[in-house]
Amino acid sequence: QDLMPETHPRLEKGGVALHTDARGVMALNLESRLATRVLLELAHAPYGNENDLYTLAKAVDWPAWISPLENFCINTSAHRSPLQSLNFATLRVKDGLCDRMREDTDDRPSVDTRFPHLQLALHLGATQAHLYVDASGGVVVPAPDAPHVFAEARRIEAEDARSVEQIRAERPSTVG
């Protein structure tokens, strides 16, 4: 609450919910000492089968989040889900995303589970499905790929340094 009081954070099962913008998400990832993941909810709805998940995913404005030249992955978790296969549930969300992209852009992004541009999280409860963007990143890198990944990380870090400094300059310090 001290980090971002203007967002009106509230405790929910499994974490803290709040309303913020892209700068707030970046500040949360940068400054929070407690958050292990920052998830941005894209959509939620009741569901009973995999077709409901397809409909949920297809309703999202995907071109606002990813281009056909980029790639994505979906990590699925469930608690008391009535579905028989989480893999099939994940596939239906992928289908909804790709079909929406084809409708909007005549092309679709690829799936890359190792180094995705966009990480999505699908959580299935007993009756509700929640689809999130995982804004925390954090990919575990296999040793043979480390030099390439570290070089890319240095490039991104240099590119983002100006944004980080801008965020810090705009927000009062929470230390002290």
Protein backbone atom coordinates (compact mmCIF):
# COMPACT_ATOMS: atom_id res chain seq x y z
CA GLN A 1 0.00 0.00 0.00
CA ASP A 2 2.92 2.35 0.65
CA LEU A 3 4.41 1.72 -2.80
CA MET A 4 1.29 2.65 -4.81
CA PRO A 5 -1.43 4.05 -2.51
CA GLU A 6 -3.28 5.75 -5.38
CA THR A 7 -4.11 2.31 -6.85
CA HIS A 8 -6.30 1.32 -3.89
CA PRO A 9 -4.75 -2.14 -3.42
CA ARG A 10 -6.89 -4.83 -1.84
CA LEU A 11 -6.07 -8.27 -0.53
CA GLU A 12 -7.47 -11.16 -2.54
CA LYS A 13 -6.90 -14.88 -2.37
CA GLY A 14 -3.43 -15.53 -3.70
CA GLY A 15 -2.26 -11.92 -3.82
CA VAL A 16 -3.06 -8.26 -4.04
CA ALA A 17 -5.31 -6.68 -6.65
CA LEU A 18 -5.04 -3.07 -7.81
CA HIS A 19 -5.76 -0.79 -10.75
CA THR A 20 -2.83 0.91 -12.46
CA ASP A 21 -1.35 1.81 -15.84
CA ALA A 22 1.75 0.57 -17.67
CA ARG A 23 4.02 2.86 -15.65
CA GLY A 24 2.52 1.51 -12.44
CA VAL A 25 3.17 -2.06 -13.55
CA MET A 26 6.79 -1.19 -14.33
CA ALA A 27 7.17 0.53 -10.96
CA LEU A 28 5.65 -2.47 -9.18
CA ASN A 29 8.06 -4.87 -10.89
CA LEU A 30 10.97 -2.55 -10.16
CA GLU A 31 10.26 -1.54 -6.58
CA SER A 32 8.22 -4.30 -4.94
CA ARG A 33 10.20 -6.53 -2.61
CA LEU A 34 7.32 -8.94 -2.06
CA ALA A 35 5.68 -9.55 -5.44
CA THR A 36 6.96 -12.66 -7.18
CA ARG A 37 4.69 -12.17 -10.17
CA VAL A 38 2.76 -9.22 -11.53
CA LEU A 39 -0.25 -10.37 -13.53
CA LEU A 40 -2.45 -8.06 -15.60
CA GLU A 41 -5.93 -9.48 -15.99
CA LEU A 42 -7.06 -9.37 -19.61
CA ALA A 43 -10.34 -11.24 -19.22
CA HIS A 44 -12.36 -13.41 -16.90
CA ALA A 45 -15.64 -15.25 -17.31
CA PRO A 46 -17.54 -18.28 -16.14
CA TYR A 47 -16.75 -21.44 -18.10
CA GLY A 48 -17.93 -25.00 -18.32
CA ASN A 49 -15.94 -26.36 -21.23
CA GLU A 50 -13.03 -25.65 -23.55
CA ASN A 51 -15.22 -23.76 -26.05
CA ASP A 52 -15.94 -21.18 -23.35
CA LEU A 53 -12.18 -20.65 -23.02
CA TYR A 54 -11.89 -20.19 -26.80
CA THR A 55 -14.62 -17.52 -26.62
CA LEU A 56 -12.90 -15.82 -23.67
CA ALA A 57 -9.57 -15.63 -25.50
CA LYS A 58 -11.08 -14.56 -28.81
CA ALA A 59 -12.78 -11.57 -27.12
CA VAL A 60 -9.42 -10.01 -26.11
CA ASP A 61 -7.98 -7.20 -28.25
CA TRP A 62 -4.77 -9.13 -28.98
CA PRO A 63 -3.25 -6.65 -31.46
CA ALA A 64 -2.95 -4.25 -28.51
CA TRP A 65 -0.65 -6.79 -26.80
CA ILE A 66 1.25 -8.66 -29.52
CA SER A 67 2.07 -8.44 -33.20
CA PRO A 68 2.11 -11.32 -35.69
CA LEU A 69 5.91 -11.00 -35.79
CA GLU A 70 6.20 -11.83 -32.09
CA ASN A 71 5.57 -15.01 -30.13
CA PHE A 72 3.81 -16.05 -26.94
CA CYS A 73 3.31 -18.85 -24.46
CA ILE A 74 0.47 -19.77 -22.13
CA ASN A 75 1.06 -21.24 -18.67
CA THR A 76 -2.06 -22.86 -17.29
CA SER A 77 -2.91 -23.61 -13.68
CA ALA A 78 -6.11 -24.96 -12.20
CA HIS A 79 -7.86 -25.53 -8.90
CA ARG A 80 -10.98 -27.73 -8.97
CA SER A 81 -11.39 -27.34 -12.73
CA PRO A 82 -13.98 -29.69 -14.24
CA LEU A 83 -11.95 -30.04 -17.45
CA GLN A 84 -10.28 -33.35 -18.28
CA SER A 85 -7.18 -31.91 -19.97
CA LEU A 86 -5.39 -28.67 -19.12
CA ASN A 87 -3.34 -29.12 -22.31
CA PHE A 88 -6.52 -29.03 -24.40
CA ALA A 89 -7.76 -26.01 -22.43
CA THR A 90 -4.49 -24.23 -23.20
CA LEU A 91 -4.78 -25.19 -26.87
CA ARG A 92 -8.27 -23.68 -27.08
CA VAL A 93 -7.01 -20.39 -25.60
CA LYS A 94 -4.18 -20.41 -28.15
CA ASP A 95 -6.75 -21.03 -30.92
CA GLY A 96 -8.90 -18.11 -29.74
CA LEU A 97 -5.88 -15.79 -29.65
CA CYS A 98 -4.66 -16.86 -33.09
CA ASP A 99 -8.11 -16.70 -34.70
CA ARG A 100 -8.65 -13.17 -33.34
CA MET A 101 -5.23 -12.11 -34.66
CA ARG A 102 -6.01 -13.56 -38.08
CA GLU A 103 -9.31 -11.67 -38.16
CA ASP A 104 -7.68 -8.40 -37.13
CA THR A 105 -4.32 -8.60 -38.91
CA ASP A 106 -4.52 -11.46 -41.47
CA ASP A 107 -1.64 -13.15 -39.64
CA ARG A 108 -0.87 -14.70 -36.27
CA PRO A 109 2.02 -14.84 -33.80
CA SER A 110 3.95 -18.03 -33.13
CA VAL A 111 4.15 -20.04 -29.93
CA ASP A 112 7.54 -20.11 -28.19
CA THR A 113 7.64 -21.71 -24.77
CA ARG A 114 11.34 -20.94 -24.25
CA PHE A 115 11.69 -17.22 -24.98
CA PRO A 116 8.24 -15.69 -25.54
CA HIS A 117 7.69 -12.01 -26.16
CA LEU A 118 4.36 -12.28 -24.35
CA GLN A 119 3.82 -14.59 -21.39
CA LEU A 120 0.21 -15.39 -20.61
CA ALA A 121 -1.20 -17.09 -17.54
CA LEU A 122 -4.51 -18.92 -17.60
CA HIS A 123 -6.03 -19.87 -14.26
CA LEU A 124 -9.05 -22.15 -14.13
CA GLY A 125 -11.12 -22.30 -10.98
CA ALA A 126 -14.16 -24.50 -10.47
CA THR A 127 -16.39 -22.18 -12.50
CA GLN A 128 -14.33 -19.08 -13.42
CA ALA A 129 -11.51 -18.67 -15.93
CA HIS A 130 -8.98 -15.83 -15.63
CA LEU A 131 -6.57 -14.86 -18.41
CA TYR A 132 -3.56 -12.69 -17.52
CA VAL A 133 -0.45 -11.17 -19.03
CA ASP A 134 2.51 -12.11 -16.85
CA ALA A 135 4.33 -8.78 -16.61
CA SER A 136 7.11 -10.16 -14.41
CA GLY A 137 9.07 -12.04 -17.04
CA GLY A 138 11.60 -14.29 -15.38
CA VAL A 139 12.57 -17.08 -17.74
CA VAL A 140 14.93 -19.81 -16.55
CA VAL A 141 17.67 -20.02 -19.18
CA PRO A 142 19.36 -23.31 -20.17
CA ALA A 143 23.17 -23.06 -19.99
CA PRO A 144 23.88 -23.42 -23.76
CA ASP A 145 21.62 -20.44 -24.49
CA ALA A 146 23.02 -18.23 -21.74
CA PRO A 147 25.47 -16.11 -23.82
CA HIS A 148 22.77 -15.18 -26.35
CA VAL A 149 20.19 -14.51 -23.63
CA PHE A 150 22.58 -12.41 -21.54
CA ALA A 151 23.52 -10.34 -24.60
CA GLU A 152 19.83 -9.75 -25.32
CA ALA A 153 19.21 -8.90 -21.66
CA ARG A 154 22.00 -6.31 -21.72
CA ARG A 155 20.51 -4.75 -24.87
CA ILE A 156 17.04 -4.59 -23.29
CA GLU A 157 18.45 -3.26 -20.02
CA ALA A 158 20.23 -0.42 -21.83
CA GLU A 159 17.07 0.34 -23.80
CA ASP A 160 14.91 0.41 -20.67
CA ALA A 161 17.30 2.41 -18.46
CA ARG A 162 15.73 5.70 -19.53
CA SER A 163 12.23 4.46 -18.67
CA VAL A 164 13.33 3.25 -15.24
CA GLU A 165 14.95 6.58 -14.42
CA GLN A 166 11.83 8.38 -15.60
CA ILE A 167 9.62 6.26 -13.33
CA ARG A 168 11.89 6.84 -10.35
CA ALA A 169 11.92 10.56 -11.01
CA GLU A 170 8.12 10.67 -11.13
CA ARG A 171 7.55 8.65 -7.93
CA PRO A 172 8.61 9.71 -4.44
CA SER A 173 11.04 7.32 -2.79
CA THR A 174 9.45 4.65 -0.59
CA VAL A 175 12.70 4.04 1.31
CA GLY A 176 13.49 5.91 4.51
